[in-house]
C-alpha atoms as a PDB file:
ATOM      1  CA  UNK A   1     152.193 286.886 199.162  1.00  0.00           C
ATOM      2  CA  UNK A   2     152.788 283.384 197.662  1.00  0.00           C
ATOM      3  CA  UNK A   3     149.085 283.207 196.577  1.00  0.00           C
ATOM      4  CA  UNK A   4     149.390 286.583 194.877  1.00  0.00           C
ATOM      5  CA  UNK A   5     152.500 285.452 192.993  1.00  0.00           C
ATOM      6  CA  UNK A   6     150.766 282.252 191.904  1.00  0.00           C
ATOM      7  CA  UNK A   7     147.793 284.220 190.567  1.00  0.00           C
ATOM      8  CA  UNK A   8     150.112 286.602 188.692  1.00  0.00           C
ATOM      9  CA  UNK A   9     152.055 283.706 187.232  1.00  0.00           C
ATOM     10  CA  UNK A  10     148.851 281.959 186.160  1.00  0.00           C
ATOM     11  CA  UNK A  11     147.580 285.138 184.525  1.00  0.00           C
ATOM     12  CA  UNK A  12     150.773 285.513 182.500  1.00  0.00           C
ATOM     13  CA  UNK A  13     150.587 281.875 181.368  1.00  0.00           C
ATOM     14  CA  UNK A  14     146.979 282.311 180.274  1.00  0.00           C
ATOM     15  CA  UNK A  15     147.825 285.449 178.257  1.00  0.00           C
ATOM     16  CA  UNK A  16     150.774 283.760 176.566  1.00  0.00           C
ATOM     17  CA  UNK A  17     148.652 280.724 175.623  1.00  0.00           C
ATOM     18  CA  UNK A  18     145.798 282.900 174.289  1.00  0.00           C
ATOM     19  CA  UNK A  19     148.216 285.001 172.246  1.00  0.00           C
ATOM     20  CA  UNK A  20     149.755 281.873 170.743  1.00  0.00           C
ATOM     21  CA  UNK A  21     146.334 280.433 169.858  1.00  0.00           C
ATOM     22  CA  UNK A  22     145.135 283.694 168.249  1.00  0.00           C
ATOM     23  CA  UNK A  23     148.141 284.762 166.151  1.00  0.00           C
ATOM     24  CA  UNK A  24     149.593 281.453 165.046  1.00  0.00           C
ATOM     25  CA  UNK A  25     149.517 281.013 161.215  1.00  0.00           C
ATOM     26  CA  UNK A  26     148.501 277.385 161.692  1.00  0.00           C
ATOM     27  CA  UNK A  27     145.785 277.294 164.315  1.00  0.00           C
ATOM     28  CA  UNK A  28     146.088 274.453 166.870  1.00  0.00           C
ATOM     29  CA  UNK A  29     143.973 271.413 166.461  1.00  0.00           C
ATOM     30  CA  UNK A  30     141.181 270.557 168.883  1.00  0.00           C
ATOM     31  CA  UNK A  31     143.491 268.067 170.606  1.00  0.00           C
ATOM     32  CA  UNK A  32     145.405 271.030 172.093  1.00  0.00           C
ATOM     33  CA  UNK A  33     142.360 272.088 174.098  1.00  0.00           C
ATOM     34  CA  UNK A  34     143.477 269.995 177.029  1.00  0.00           C
ATOM     35  CA  UNK A  35     146.846 271.792 177.078  1.00  0.00           C
ATOM     36  CA  UNK A  36     145.138 275.148 177.184  1.00  0.00           C
ATOM     37  CA  UNK A  37     142.761 273.856 179.837  1.00  0.00           C
ATOM     38  CA  UNK A  38     145.679 272.760 182.007  1.00  0.00           C
ATOM     39  CA  UNK A  39     147.328 276.174 181.617  1.00  0.00           C
ATOM     40  CA  UNK A  40     144.315 277.850 183.299  1.00  0.00           C
ATOM     41  CA  UNK A  41     144.700 276.822 186.980  1.00  0.00           C
ATOM     42  CA  UNK A  42     142.228 279.286 188.462  1.00  0.00           C
ATOM     43  CA  UNK A  43     139.181 277.909 186.625  1.00  0.00           C
ATOM     44  CA  UNK A  44     138.163 274.985 184.497  1.00  0.00           C
ATOM     45  CA  UNK A  45     137.663 276.037 180.875  1.00  0.00           C
ATOM     46  CA  UNK A  46     137.006 274.494 177.545  1.00  0.00           C
ATOM     47  CA  UNK A  47     138.217 276.075 174.266  1.00  0.00           C
ATOM     48  CA  UNK A  48     136.219 275.510 171.069  1.00  0.00           C
ATOM     49  CA  UNK A  49     138.531 276.058 168.093  1.00  0.00           C
ATOM     50  CA  UNK A  50     136.865 277.036 164.840  1.00  0.00           C
ATOM     51  CA  UNK A  51     137.860 275.177 161.671  1.00  0.00           C
ATOM     52  CA  UNK A  52     138.826 278.500 159.932  1.00  0.00           C
ATOM     53  CA  UNK A  53     141.991 280.461 160.922  1.00  0.00           C
ATOM     54  CA  UNK A  54     141.589 283.253 163.411  1.00  0.00           C
ATOM     55  CA  UNK A  55     142.641 286.674 162.158  1.00  0.00           C
ATOM     56  CA  UNK A  56     143.308 288.395 165.500  1.00  0.00           C
ATOM     57  CA  UNK A  57     142.786 288.550 169.220  1.00  0.00           C
ATOM     58  CA  UNK A  58     139.535 290.435 168.775  1.00  0.00           C
ATOM     59  CA  UNK A  59     138.017 287.330 167.255  1.00  0.00           C
ATOM     60  CA  UNK A  60     138.115 285.509 170.630  1.00  0.00           C
ATOM     61  CA  UNK A  61     135.351 285.542 173.191  1.00  0.00           C
ATOM     62  CA  UNK A  62     134.982 283.354 176.280  1.00  0.00           C
ATOM     63  CA  UNK A  63     131.398 282.790 177.304  1.00  0.00           C
ATOM     64  CA  UNK A  64     130.284 280.826 180.429  1.00  0.00           C
ATOM     65  CA  UNK A  65     128.296 277.631 180.132  1.00  0.00           C
ATOM     66  CA  UNK A  66     127.311 276.478 183.630  1.00  0.00           C
ATOM     67  CA  UNK A  67     125.347 273.548 182.224  1.00  0.00           C
ATOM     68  CA  UNK A  68     128.466 271.939 180.834  1.00  0.00           C
ATOM     69  CA  UNK A  69     128.777 268.401 182.191  1.00  0.00           C
ATOM     70  CA  UNK A  70     132.513 268.710 182.594  1.00  0.00           C
ATOM     71  CA  UNK A  71     132.212 271.985 184.431  1.00  0.00           C
ATOM     72  CA  UNK A  72     134.084 273.756 181.701  1.00  0.00           C
ATOM     73  CA  UNK A  73     132.326 277.097 181.405  1.00  0.00           C
ATOM     74  CA  UNK A  74     134.090 278.863 178.489  1.00  0.00           C
ATOM     75  CA  UNK A  75     133.437 278.601 174.737  1.00  0.00           C
ATOM     76  CA  UNK A  76     135.163 280.468 172.001  1.00  0.00           C
ATOM     77  CA  UNK A  77     133.069 282.049 169.196  1.00  0.00           C
ATOM     78  CA  UNK A  78     134.616 283.989 166.311  1.00  0.00           C
ATOM     79  CA  UNK A  79     131.450 285.791 165.215  1.00  0.00           C
ATOM     80  CA  UNK A  80     130.423 286.815 168.724  1.00  0.00           C
ATOM     81  CA  UNK A  81     133.934 288.079 169.440  1.00  0.00           C
ATOM     82  CA  UNK A  82     133.947 290.323 166.390  1.00  0.00           C
ATOM     83  CA  UNK A  83     130.558 291.720 167.391  1.00  0.00           C
ATOM     84  CA  UNK A  84     131.621 292.363 170.986  1.00  0.00           C
ATOM     85  CA  UNK A  85     134.917 294.033 170.051  1.00  0.00           C
ATOM     86  CA  UNK A  86     133.132 296.668 167.891  1.00  0.00           C
ATOM     87  CA  UNK A  87     131.650 299.930 168.997  1.00  0.00           C
ATOM     88  CA  UNK A  88     127.932 300.725 168.607  1.00  0.00           C
ATOM     89  CA  UNK A  89     128.734 303.189 165.797  1.00  0.00           C
ATOM     90  CA  UNK A  90     130.554 300.493 163.824  1.00  0.00           C
ATOM     91  CA  UNK A  91     127.632 298.095 164.299  1.00  0.00           C
ATOM     92  CA  UNK A  92     125.171 300.689 162.994  1.00  0.00           C
ATOM     93  CA  UNK A  93     127.417 301.450 160.015  1.00  0.00           C
ATOM     94  CA  UNK A  94     127.702 297.758 159.152  1.00  0.00           C
ATOM     95  CA  UNK A  95     123.947 297.256 159.464  1.00  0.00           C
ATOM     96  CA  UNK A  96     123.338 300.223 157.178  1.00  0.00           C
ATOM     97  CA  UNK A  97     125.817 298.900 154.593  1.00  0.00           C
ATOM     98  CA  UNK A  98     124.158 295.485 154.649  1.00  0.00           C
ATOM     99  CA  UNK A  99     120.743 297.063 154.148  1.00  0.00           C
ATOM    100  CA  UNK A 100     122.092 299.179 151.272  1.00  0.00           C
ATOM    101  CA  UNK A 101     123.616 296.119 149.607  1.00  0.00           C
ATOM    102  CA  UNK A 102     120.338 294.255 149.991  1.00  0.00           C
ATOM    103  CA  UNK A 103     118.421 297.140 148.374  1.00  0.00           C
ATOM    104  CA  UNK A 104     120.934 297.382 145.532  1.00  0.00           C
ATOM    105  CA  UNK A 105     120.738 293.636 144.957  1.00  0.00           C
ATOM    106  CA  UNK A 106     116.957 293.785 144.871  1.00  0.00           C
ATOM    107  CA  UNK A 107     117.055 296.643 142.347  1.00  0.00           C
ATOM    108  CA  UNK A 108     119.556 294.835 140.142  1.00  0.00           C
ATOM    109  CA  UNK A 109     117.409 291.714 140.202  1.00  0.00           C
ATOM    110  CA  UNK A 110     114.246 293.709 139.513  1.00  0.00           C
ATOM    111  CA  UNK A 111     115.670 295.766 136.621  1.00  0.00           C
ATOM    112  CA  UNK A 112     117.372 292.852 134.942  1.00  0.00           C
ATOM    113  CA  UNK A 113     119.973 295.183 133.340  1.00  0.00           C
ATOM    114  CA  UNK A 114     122.935 293.850 131.413  1.00  0.00           C
ATOM    115  CA  UNK A 115     126.028 295.418 129.945  1.00  0.00           C
ATOM    116  CA  UNK A 116     124.320 295.688 126.567  1.00  0.00           C
ATOM    117  CA  UNK A 117     121.252 297.261 128.130  1.00  0.00           C
ATOM    118  CA  UNK A 118     123.357 299.867 129.881  1.00  0.00           C
ATOM    119  CA  UNK A 119     125.125 300.734 126.643  1.00  0.00           C
ATOM    120  CA  UNK A 120     121.814 301.147 124.843  1.00  0.00           C
ATOM    121  CA  UNK A 121     120.586 303.334 127.678  1.00  0.00           C
ATOM    122  CA  UNK A 122     123.675 305.532 127.342  1.00  0.00           C
ATOM    123  CA  UNK A 123     123.138 305.846 123.580  1.00  0.00           C
ATOM    124  CA  UNK A 124     119.519 306.881 124.116  1.00  0.00           C
ATOM    125  CA  UNK A 125     120.576 309.475 126.679  1.00  0.00           C
ATOM    126  CA  UNK A 126     123.105 310.970 124.257  1.00  0.00           C
ATOM    127  CA  UNK A 127     120.501 311.021 121.508  1.00  0.00           C
ATOM    128  CA  UNK A 128     118.029 312.839 123.765  1.00  0.00           C
ATOM    129  CA  UNK A 129     120.733 315.351 124.658  1.00  0.00           C
ATOM    130  CA  UNK A 130     121.496 316.034 120.998  1.00  0.00           C
ATOM    131  CA  UNK A 131     117.788 316.441 120.307  1.00  0.00           C
ATOM    132  CA  UNK A 132     117.510 318.890 123.191  1.00  0.00           C
ATOM    133  CA  UNK A 133     120.468 320.905 121.910  1.00  0.00           C
ATOM    134  CA  UNK A 134     118.999 320.879 118.411  1.00  0.00           C
ATOM    135  CA  UNK A 135     115.682 322.252 119.630  1.00  0.00           C
ATOM    136  CA  UNK A 136     117.014 324.847 122.073  1.00  0.00           C
ATOM    137  CA  UNK A 137     120.383 325.842 120.581  1.00  0.00           C
ATOM    138  CA  UNK A 138     119.654 325.282 116.883  1.00  0.00           C
ATOM    139  CA  UNK A 139     119.829 328.367 114.600  1.00  0.00           C
ATOM    140  CA  UNK A 140     116.489 329.618 113.355  1.00  0.00           C
ATOM    141  CA  UNK A 141     117.610 329.767 109.733  1.00  0.00           C
ATOM    142  CA  UNK A 142     118.658 326.098 109.907  1.00  0.00           C
ATOM    143  CA  UNK A 143     115.182 325.119 111.147  1.00  0.00           C
ATOM    144  CA  UNK A 144     113.625 327.077 108.257  1.00  0.00           C
ATOM    145  CA  UNK A 145     115.833 325.278 105.744  1.00  0.00           C
ATOM    146  CA  UNK A 146     114.938 321.881 107.199  1.00  0.00           C
ATOM    147  CA  UNK A 147     111.237 322.672 106.975  1.00  0.00           C
ATOM    148  CA  UNK A 148     111.677 323.937 103.399  1.00  0.00           C
ATOM    149  CA  UNK A 149     113.308 320.645 102.412  1.00  0.00           C
ATOM    150  CA  UNK A 150     109.970 318.894 102.897  1.00  0.00           C
ATOM    151  CA  UNK A 151     108.500 320.725  99.885  1.00  0.00           C
ATOM    152  CA  UNK A 152     111.580 321.402  97.765  1.00  0.00           C
ATOM    153  CA  UNK A 153     113.352 318.420  96.251  1.00  0.00           C
ATOM    154  CA  UNK A 154     116.124 320.561  94.772  1.00  0.00           C
ATOM    155  CA  UNK A 155     116.899 322.150  98.134  1.00  0.00           C
ATOM    156  CA  UNK A 156     116.855 318.722  99.770  1.00  0.00           C
ATOM    157  CA  UNK A 157     119.367 317.515  97.181  1.00  0.00           C
ATOM    158  CA  UNK A 158     121.558 320.555  97.839  1.00  0.00           C
ATOM    159  CA  UNK A 159     121.666 319.998 101.602  1.00  0.00           C
ATOM    160  CA  UNK A 160     122.034 316.233 101.343  1.00  0.00           C
ATOM    161  CA  UNK A 161     123.457 314.687 104.514  1.00  0.00           C
ATOM    162  CA  UNK A 162     124.274 318.078 106.034  1.00  0.00           C
ATOM    163  CA  UNK A 163     120.855 318.326 107.742  1.00  0.00           C
ATOM    164  CA  UNK A 164     121.452 318.622 111.456  1.00  0.00           C
ATOM    165  CA  UNK A 165     124.858 320.288 111.036  1.00  0.00           C
ATOM    166  CA  UNK A 166     124.337 324.074 110.719  1.00  0.00           C
ATOM    167  CA  UNK A 167     127.901 324.841 109.626  1.00  0.00           C
ATOM    168  CA  UNK A 168     127.860 322.225 106.871  1.00  0.00           C
ATOM    169  CA  UNK A 169     124.383 323.385 105.796  1.00  0.00           C
ATOM    170  CA  UNK A 170     125.678 326.946 105.490  1.00  0.00           C
ATOM    171  CA  UNK A 171     128.585 325.838 103.296  1.00  0.00           C
ATOM    172  CA  UNK A 172     126.299 323.802 101.028  1.00  0.00           C
ATOM    173  CA  UNK A 173     123.883 326.700 100.550  1.00  0.00           C
ATOM    174  CA  UNK A 174     126.666 329.221  99.895  1.00  0.00           C
ATOM    175  CA  UNK A 175     128.178 326.897  97.311  1.00  0.00           C
ATOM    176  CA  UNK A 176     124.782 326.453  95.660  1.00  0.00           C
ATOM    177  CA  UNK A 177     124.139 330.207  95.542  1.00  0.00           C
ATOM    178  CA  UNK A 178     127.595 330.897  94.190  1.00  0.00           C
ATOM    179  CA  UNK A 179     127.250 328.350  91.380  1.00  0.00           C
ATOM    180  CA  UNK A 180     123.621 328.651  90.350  1.00  0.00           C
ATOM    181  CA  UNK A 181     122.115 331.785  91.830  1.00  0.00           C
ATOM    182  CA  UNK A 182     119.804 332.722  94.687  1.00  0.00           C
ATOM    183  CA  UNK A 183     116.465 331.482  93.329  1.00  0.00           C
ATOM    184  CA  UNK A 184     115.944 327.816  94.251  1.00  0.00           C
ATOM    185  CA  UNK A 185     112.492 327.449  92.755  1.00  0.00           C
ATOM    186  CA  UNK A 186     112.908 329.147  89.396  1.00  0.00           C
ATOM    187  CA  UNK A 187     113.121 326.428  86.760  1.00  0.00           C
ATOM    188  CA  UNK A 188     113.420 328.814  83.808  1.00  0.00           C
ATOM    189  CA  UNK A 189     116.113 331.418  84.374  1.00  0.00           C
ATOM    190  CA  UNK A 190     115.640 333.463  81.203  1.00  0.00           C
ATOM    191  CA  UNK A 191     113.649 336.648  80.580  1.00  0.00           C
ATOM    192  CA  UNK A 192     110.410 337.025  78.655  1.00  0.00           C
ATOM    193  CA  UNK A 193     111.462 340.523  77.590  1.00  0.00           C
ATOM    194  CA  UNK A 194     113.699 341.021  74.567  1.00  0.00           C
ATOM    195  CA  UNK A 195     116.914 342.864  75.255  1.00  0.00           C
ATOM    196  CA  UNK A 196     117.775 346.213  73.672  1.00  0.00           C
ATOM    197  CA  UNK A 197     120.599 346.625  71.166  1.00  0.00           C
ATOM    198  CA  UNK A 198     122.531 349.865  70.629  1.00  0.00           C
ATOM    199  CA  UNK A 199     125.775 351.000  68.964  1.00  0.00           C
ATOM    200  CA  UNK A 200     128.152 353.674  70.285  1.00  0.00           C
ATOM    201  CA  UNK A 201     130.943 354.417  67.848  1.00  0.00           C
ATOM    202  CA  UNK A 202     131.521 350.770  67.250  1.00  0.00           C
ATOM    203  CA  UNK A 203     134.863 349.973  65.645  1.00  0.00           C
ATOM    204  CA  UNK A 204     135.024 346.308  64.505  1.00  0.00           C
ATOM    205  CA  UNK A 205     138.807 346.291  64.950  1.00  0.00           C
ATOM    206  CA  UNK A 206     138.956 347.756  68.454  1.00  0.00           C
ATOM    207  CA  UNK A 207     135.787 347.904  70.515  1.00  0.00           C
ATOM    208  CA  UNK A 208     134.028 346.484  73.557  1.00  0.00           C
ATOM    209  CA  UNK A 209     130.749 344.625  73.531  1.00  0.00           C
ATOM    210  CA  UNK A 210     128.782 345.265  76.752  1.00  0.00           C
ATOM    211  CA  UNK A 211     126.128 343.084  78.361  1.00  0.00           C
ATOM    212  CA  UNK A 212     123.770 344.343  81.075  1.00  0.00           C
ATOM    213  CA  UNK A 213     122.138 341.554  83.081  1.00  0.00           C
ATOM    214  CA  UNK A 214     119.193 341.673  85.493  1.00  0.00           C
ATOM    215  CA  UNK A 215     121.404 340.852  88.448  1.00  0.00           C
ATOM    216  CA  UNK A 216     124.892 339.848  89.476  1.00  0.00           C
ATOM    217  CA  UNK A 217     125.754 336.641  87.600  1.00  0.00           C
ATOM    218  CA  UNK A 218     126.482 333.390  89.367  1.00  0.00           C
ATOM    219  CA  UNK A 219     129.364 331.140  88.374  1.00  0.00           C
ATOM    220  CA  UNK A 220     126.963 329.204  86.212  1.00  0.00           C
ATOM    221  CA  UNK A 221     125.861 332.386  84.408  1.00  0.00           C
ATOM    222  CA  UNK A 222     129.461 333.442  83.841  1.00  0.00           C
ATOM    223  CA  UNK A 223     130.303 330.057  82.328  1.00  0.00           C
ATOM    224  CA  UNK A 224     127.196 330.117  80.166  1.00  0.00           C
ATOM    225  CA  UNK A 225     127.710 333.553  78.630  1.00  0.00           C
ATOM    226  CA  UNK A 226     131.475 333.058  78.368  1.00  0.00           C
ATOM    227  CA  UNK A 227     130.989 329.795  76.497  1.00  0.00           C
ATOM    228  CA  UNK A 228     128.731 331.487  73.942  1.00  0.00           C
ATOM    229  CA  UNK A 229     131.318 334.227  73.293  1.00  0.00           C
ATOM    230  CA  UNK A 230     134.093 331.660  73.078  1.00  0.00           C
ATOM    231  CA  UNK A 231     132.183 329.566  70.534  1.00  0.00           C
ATOM    232  CA  UNK A 232     131.421 332.674  68.494  1.00  0.00           C
ATOM    233  CA  UNK A 233     135.120 333.599  68.458  1.00  0.00           C
ATOM    234  CA  UNK A 234     136.234 330.075  67.454  1.00  0.00           C
ATOM    235  CA  UNK A 235     133.871 330.109  64.477  1.00  0.00           C
ATOM    236  CA  UNK A 236     135.093 333.569  63.447  1.00  0.00           C
ATOM    237  CA  UNK A 237     138.692 332.500  63.828  1.00  0.00           C
ATOM    238  CA  UNK A 238     138.036 329.619  61.438  1.00  0.00           C
ATOM    239  CA  UNK A 239     136.534 331.984  58.818  1.00  0.00           C
ATOM    240  CA  UNK A 240     132.887 331.110  59.317  1.00  0.00           C
ATOM    241  CA  UNK A 241     131.670 334.706  58.833  1.00  0.00           C
ATOM    242  CA  UNK A 242     132.657 335.264  55.187  1.00  0.00           C
ATOM    243  CA  UNK A 243     129.893 336.811  53.096  1.00  0.00           C
ATOM    244  CA  UNK A 244     131.929 336.284  49.919  1.00  0.00           C
ATOM    245  CA  UNK A 245     131.131 332.600  49.985  1.00  0.00           C
ATOM    246  CA  UNK A 246     127.410 332.237  50.615  1.00  0.00           C
ATOM    247  CA  UNK A 247     126.584 329.865  47.794  1.00  0.00           C
ATOM    248  CA  UNK A 248     123.625 328.201  49.511  1.00  0.00           C
ATOM    249  CA  UNK A 249     122.141 331.237  51.257  1.00  0.00           C
ATOM    250  CA  UNK A 250     119.753 332.056  48.414  1.00  0.00           C
ATOM    251  CA  UNK A 251     119.455 328.584  46.934  1.00  0.00           C
ATOM    252  CA  UNK A 252     116.273 326.532  46.978  1.00  0.00           C
ATOM    253  CA  UNK A 253     116.282 323.169  48.700  1.00  0.00           C
ATOM    254  CA  UNK A 254     113.472 321.825  46.539  1.00  0.00           C
ATOM    255  CA  UNK A 255     116.087 320.677  44.102  1.00  0.00           C
ATOM    256  CA  UNK A 256     119.495 319.286  44.788  1.00  0.00           C
ATOM    257  CA  UNK A 257     121.692 322.380  45.055  1.00  0.00           C
ATOM    258  CA  UNK A 258     125.184 322.502  43.668  1.00  0.00           C
ATOM    259  CA  UNK A 259     128.172 323.612  45.693  1.00  0.00           C
ATOM    260  CA  UNK A 260     131.314 324.811  43.932  1.00  0.00           C
ATOM    261  CA  UNK A 261     134.304 323.817  46.054  1.00  0.00           C
ATOM    262  CA  UNK A 262     136.797 325.503  43.738  1.00  0.00           C
ATOM    263  CA  UNK A 263     134.996 328.781  44.126  1.00  0.00           C
ATOM    264  CA  UNK A 264     134.972 328.427  47.918  1.00  0.00           C
ATOM    265  CA  UNK A 265     138.735 327.753  47.901  1.00  0.00           C
ATOM    266  CA  UNK A 266     139.416 330.811  45.790  1.00  0.00           C
ATOM    267  CA  UNK A 267     137.530 333.251  48.006  1.00  0.00           C
ATOM    268  CA  UNK A 268     139.617 335.606  50.108  1.00  0.00           C
ATOM    269  CA  UNK A 269     139.613 334.209  53.676  1.00  0.00           C
ATOM    270  CA  UNK A 270     138.205 336.220  56.542  1.00  0.00           C
ATOM    271  CA  UNK A 271     138.719 335.554  60.224  1.00  0.00           C
ATOM    272  CA  UNK A 272     138.720 337.107  63.657  1.00  0.00           C
ATOM    273  CA  UNK A 273     141.987 338.516  64.799  1.00  0.00           C
ATOM    274  CA  UNK A 274     141.757 338.715  68.597  1.00  0.00           C
ATOM    275  CA  UNK A 275     139.465 338.732  71.607  1.00  0.00           C
ATOM    276  CA  UNK A 276     139.818 339.333  75.361  1.00  0.00           C
ATOM    277  CA  UNK A 277     138.476 337.456  78.353  1.00  0.00           C
ATOM    278  CA  UNK A 278     134.866 338.074  79.326  1.00  0.00           C
ATOM    279  CA  UNK A 279     134.788 340.271  82.449  1.00  0.00           C
ATOM    280  CA  UNK A 280     131.995 340.967  84.932  1.00  0.00           C
ATOM    281  CA  UNK A 281     131.441 343.649  87.571  1.00  0.00           C
ATOM    282  CA  UNK A 282     128.142 343.243  89.386  1.00  0.00           C
ATOM    283  CA  UNK A 283     125.451 343.058  86.673  1.00  0.00           C
ATOM    284  CA  UNK A 284     127.657 344.340  83.840  1.00  0.00           C
ATOM    285  CA  UNK A 285     129.853 342.246  81.534  1.00  0.00           C
ATOM    286  CA  UNK A 286     132.109 343.153  78.638  1.00  0.00           C
ATOM    287  CA  UNK A 287     134.458 341.629  76.057  1.00  0.00           C
ATOM    288  CA  UNK A 288     136.919 343.352  73.736  1.00  0.00           C
ATOM    289  CA  UNK A 289     136.978 342.162  70.108  1.00  0.00           C
ATOM    290  CA  UNK A 290     138.919 342.619  66.904  1.00  0.00           C
ATOM    291  CA  UNK A 291     136.765 341.148  64.156  1.00  0.00           C
ATOM    292  CA  UNK A 292     139.634 341.376  61.660  1.00  0.00           C
ATOM    293  CA  UNK A 293     138.475 340.563  58.129  1.00  0.00           C
ATOM    294  CA  UNK A 294     135.197 338.961  59.192  1.00  0.00           C
ATOM    295  CA  UNK A 295     132.025 340.411  57.771  1.00  0.00           C
ATOM    296  CA  UNK A 296     129.482 342.265  59.827  1.00  0.00           C
ATOM    297  CA  UNK A 297     126.955 339.494  59.656  1.00  0.00           C
ATOM    298  CA  UNK A 298     129.066 337.924  62.440  1.00  0.00           C
ATOM    299  CA  UNK A 299     127.296 340.449  64.671  1.00  0.00           C
ATOM    300  CA  UNK A 300     123.926 339.112  63.496  1.00  0.00           C
ATOM    301  CA  UNK A 301     125.008 335.566  64.372  1.00  0.00           C
ATOM    302  CA  UNK A 302     126.049 336.703  67.870  1.00  0.00           C
ATOM    303  CA  UNK A 303     122.755 338.526  68.455  1.00  0.00           C
ATOM    304  CA  UNK A 304     120.781 335.490  67.336  1.00  0.00           C
ATOM    305  CA  UNK A 305     122.630 333.363  69.913  1.00  0.00           C
ATOM    306  CA  UNK A 306     122.152 335.934  72.683  1.00  0.00           C
ATOM    307  CA  UNK A 307     118.420 336.198  71.949  1.00  0.00           C
ATOM    308  CA  UNK A 308     117.807 332.535  72.693  1.00  0.00           C
ATOM    309  CA  UNK A 309     120.231 332.623  75.619  1.00  0.00           C
ATOM    310  CA  UNK A 310     118.353 335.532  77.206  1.00  0.00           C
ATOM    311  CA  UNK A 311     114.900 334.035  76.806  1.00  0.00           C
ATOM    312  CA  UNK A 312     115.770 330.533  77.984  1.00  0.00           C
ATOM    313  CA  UNK A 313     118.681 330.663  80.385  1.00  0.00           C
ATOM    314  CA  UNK A 314     120.157 334.066  81.297  1.00  0.00           C
ATOM    315  CA  UNK A 315     118.127 337.256  81.226  1.00  0.00           C
ATOM    316  CA  UNK A 316     119.855 340.130  79.412  1.00  0.00           C
ATOM    317  CA  UNK A 317     118.573 343.721  79.591  1.00  0.00           C
ATOM    318  CA  UNK A 318     120.656 345.248  76.818  1.00  0.00           C
ATOM    319  CA  UNK A 319     123.657 344.726  74.560  1.00  0.00           C
ATOM    320  CA  UNK A 320     125.837 347.683  73.630  1.00  0.00           C
ATOM    321  CA  UNK A 321     128.435 347.630  70.812  1.00  0.00           C
ATOM    322  CA  UNK A 322     131.177 350.189  71.359  1.00  0.00           C
ATOM    323  CA  UNK A 323     131.845 352.641  74.139  1.00  0.00           C
ATOM    324  CA  UNK A 324     134.661 352.769  76.651  1.00  0.00           C
ATOM    325  CA  UNK A 325     132.819 353.047  79.917  1.00  0.00           C
ATOM    326  CA  UNK A 326     129.202 352.153  80.518  1.00  0.00           C
ATOM    327  CA  UNK A 327     127.247 351.919  83.729  1.00  0.00           C
ATOM    328  CA  UNK A 328     129.257 351.946  86.940  1.00  0.00           C
ATOM    329  CA  UNK A 329     132.206 350.036  85.504  1.00  0.00           C
ATOM    330  CA  UNK A 330     135.528 350.834  87.200  1.00  0.00           C
ATOM    331  CA  UNK A 331     138.838 350.130  85.515  1.00  0.00           C
ATOM    332  CA  UNK A 332     141.325 348.172  87.597  1.00  0.00           C
ATOM    333  CA  UNK A 333     138.763 346.655  89.963  1.00  0.00           C
ATOM    334  CA  UNK A 334     139.660 342.986  89.704  1.00  0.00           C
ATOM    335  CA  UNK A 335     138.939 341.724  93.237  1.00  0.00           C
ATOM    336  CA  UNK A 336     136.364 338.993  93.680  1.00  0.00           C
ATOM    337  CA  UNK A 337     135.294 340.653  96.949  1.00  0.00           C
ATOM    338  CA  UNK A 338     134.104 343.638  94.889  1.00  0.00           C
ATOM    339  CA  UNK A 339     131.987 341.445  92.609  1.00  0.00           C
ATOM    340  CA  UNK A 340     134.534 340.915  89.845  1.00  0.00           C
ATOM    341  CA  UNK A 341     134.406 337.693  87.834  1.00  0.00           C
ATOM    342  CA  UNK A 342     135.854 336.629  84.525  1.00  0.00           C
ATOM    343  CA  UNK A 343     135.747 333.850  81.936  1.00  0.00           C
ATOM    344  CA  UNK A 344     138.989 333.037  80.174  1.00  0.00           C
ATOM    345  CA  UNK A 345     138.592 332.560  76.427  1.00  0.00           C
END
């Protein structure tokens, strides 16, 4: 019984000493080995303390060394203890992680990638994705426009930096069509055919002048024809169309002609009285006029202007003086959605 108590007491002392050695924040120096050795009465042991702190009891392992000269057959190894305390599954997992880290390190060394290289790679990937979307999800009409830009400088100037953005391309084209018309290639927009002129109960003091075009006018066409009518009205308002004072009309320029200013000042003035805005519905346009005291040759001046305008810039089919309703004109239709446009004089 006394031997059993001694063994139990020795076991408890050994456990207490091992626990103190393992969990102390400041590990004991090697000089304490003799104290530990004395606390193990059943065998002679030697404890090898590592220079680094021990993190736990699992880091301790006692291995037998029978060849020790002092007969001390136990050595403590931190690495071996951690290996022994683990399960086979943990060892395999650690080995696999080490192999994976080695492979990753080899790949990193072999590729030689840097932060800048990775950023460039990301940019290239995004560019390839955009190119893929452009080829597979790009509208057909946008591809046709891009191909047409190679041969059409005017179309290329219209699209500008919108190439690659279908929505912006659509807006640019719609704006171009609205301002200048649908024909991109036609450099001369006039007509080689002379327009027809007719009169229908024309009253110089209260009548419409009608213009039939070859198609619905663009904003550019509206501005062009409206500017001609406006200029014609300004000249008439200032008394330009006065046949009573045509002193140089029948004079010869071979000799220095004489102009009588007193006679010109004494002539009865003549001027336009009023005019309306120029209105358009589809391919028809009209303007209401009150020529006032102007002479009829004002009509000749207007027709001379419209002749050159039709042949060079805006094709006109016919011009009608007088009449209240011509073509498919509808009174009160003033919505731009229905094709109505106007030029304010």
